[in-house]
Amino acid sequence: MAAENSPVATMTFEQALGELEGIVTKLEGGQTPLEDSINLYARGEELKKHCETLLKSAEARIEKITLSADGKAKGVEPLDVDK
């Protein structure tokens, strides 16, 4: 996979998640030599952290619509996200 050589910090969420899914598949297959498994695991951790950072950033930009008592939209406020 060409993405395996890409710097994680420059990857989109979709690219990082796709590569992470590929790594999980390889590791679950049990056919990867130990040294390669260790390297894949380390790359997976880096991808996971990057995906989490991108998701938190996206959550911070999401707003929810607030409604008035009569059910009409009255504005927006930040989305409450559990940390």
Protein backbone atom coordinates (compact mmCIF):
# COMPACT_ATOMS: atom_id res chain seq x y z
CA MET A 1 0.00 0.00 0.00
CA ALA A 2 1.53 3.30 -1.11
CA ALA A 3 -0.05 5.20 1.76
CA GLU A 4 2.11 3.26 4.23
CA ASN A 5 5.00 5.54 3.28
CA SER A 6 2.98 8.76 3.59
CA PRO A 7 3.57 11.02 6.58
CA VAL A 8 0.59 10.49 8.88
CA ALA A 9 0.26 14.20 9.69
CA THR A 10 -0.57 14.99 6.04
CA MET A 11 -3.22 12.28 5.65
CA THR A 12 -6.94 12.92 5.51
CA PHE A 13 -9.16 11.11 7.97
CA GLU A 14 -10.32 8.73 5.24
CA GLN A 15 -6.77 7.92 4.15
CA ALA A 16 -5.61 7.29 7.71
CA LEU A 17 -8.65 5.18 8.57
CA GLY A 18 -8.27 3.13 5.39
CA GLU A 19 -4.65 2.37 6.13
CA LEU A 20 -5.47 1.59 9.76
CA GLU A 21 -8.13 -0.90 8.64
CA GLY A 22 -5.57 -2.56 6.35
CA ILE A 23 -3.11 -2.86 9.23
CA VAL A 24 -5.74 -4.44 11.47
CA THR A 25 -6.56 -6.96 8.75
CA LYS A 26 -2.88 -7.89 8.34
CA LEU A 27 -2.34 -8.25 12.09
CA GLU A 28 -5.50 -10.31 12.56
CA GLY A 29 -4.40 -12.61 9.73
CA GLY A 30 -1.49 -13.80 11.86
CA GLN A 31 0.80 -14.32 8.86
CA THR A 32 3.00 -11.27 9.40
CA PRO A 33 6.51 -11.84 10.81
CA LEU A 34 7.05 -10.53 14.35
CA GLU A 35 9.27 -7.58 13.42
CA ASP A 36 6.83 -6.47 10.72
CA SER A 37 3.94 -6.86 13.17
CA ILE A 38 5.68 -4.58 15.66
CA ASN A 39 6.25 -1.96 12.94
CA LEU A 40 2.66 -2.25 11.74
CA TYR A 41 1.38 -1.89 15.29
CA ALA A 42 3.45 1.28 15.80
CA ARG A 43 2.17 2.73 12.52
CA GLY A 44 -1.38 1.80 13.56
CA GLU A 45 -1.01 3.64 16.85
CA GLU A 46 0.18 6.74 15.01
CA LEU A 47 -2.75 6.51 12.57
CA LYS A 48 -5.24 6.00 15.44
CA LYS A 49 -4.00 9.11 17.24
CA HIS A 50 -4.18 11.13 14.03
CA CYS A 51 -7.78 9.98 13.40
CA GLU A 52 -8.75 10.88 16.98
CA THR A 53 -7.23 14.35 16.58
CA LEU A 54 -9.08 14.93 13.31
CA LEU A 55 -12.38 13.76 14.84
CA LYS A 56 -12.00 16.03 17.86
CA SER A 57 -11.30 18.94 15.55
CA ALA A 58 -14.41 18.16 13.50
CA GLU A 59 -16.55 17.83 16.64
CA ALA A 60 -15.40 21.25 17.79
CA ARG A 61 -16.73 22.78 14.58
CA ILE A 62 -20.16 21.11 14.73
CA GLU A 63 -23.04 23.16 16.01
CA LYS A 64 -26.49 22.05 16.98
CA ILE A 65 -29.68 23.90 16.10
CA THR A 66 -31.61 25.20 19.09
CA LEU A 67 -35.38 25.38 19.02
CA SER A 68 -37.77 27.83 20.62
CA ALA A 69 -40.73 26.69 22.72
CA ASP A 70 -42.92 26.58 19.60
CA GLY A 71 -40.46 24.25 17.83
CA LYS A 72 -39.00 26.77 15.42
CA ALA A 73 -35.27 27.16 14.91
CA LYS A 74 -33.93 30.05 16.95
CA GLY A 75 -30.18 29.71 16.53
CA VAL A 76 -27.20 27.47 17.03
CA GLU A 77 -24.90 26.59 19.90
CA PRO A 78 -21.78 24.43 20.23
CA LEU A 79 -22.36 20.69 20.28
CA ASP A 80 -21.90 19.15 23.72
CA VAL A 81 -19.38 16.37 23.27
CA ASP A 82 -18.38 13.98 26.05
CA LYS A 83 -14.64 14.05 26.55
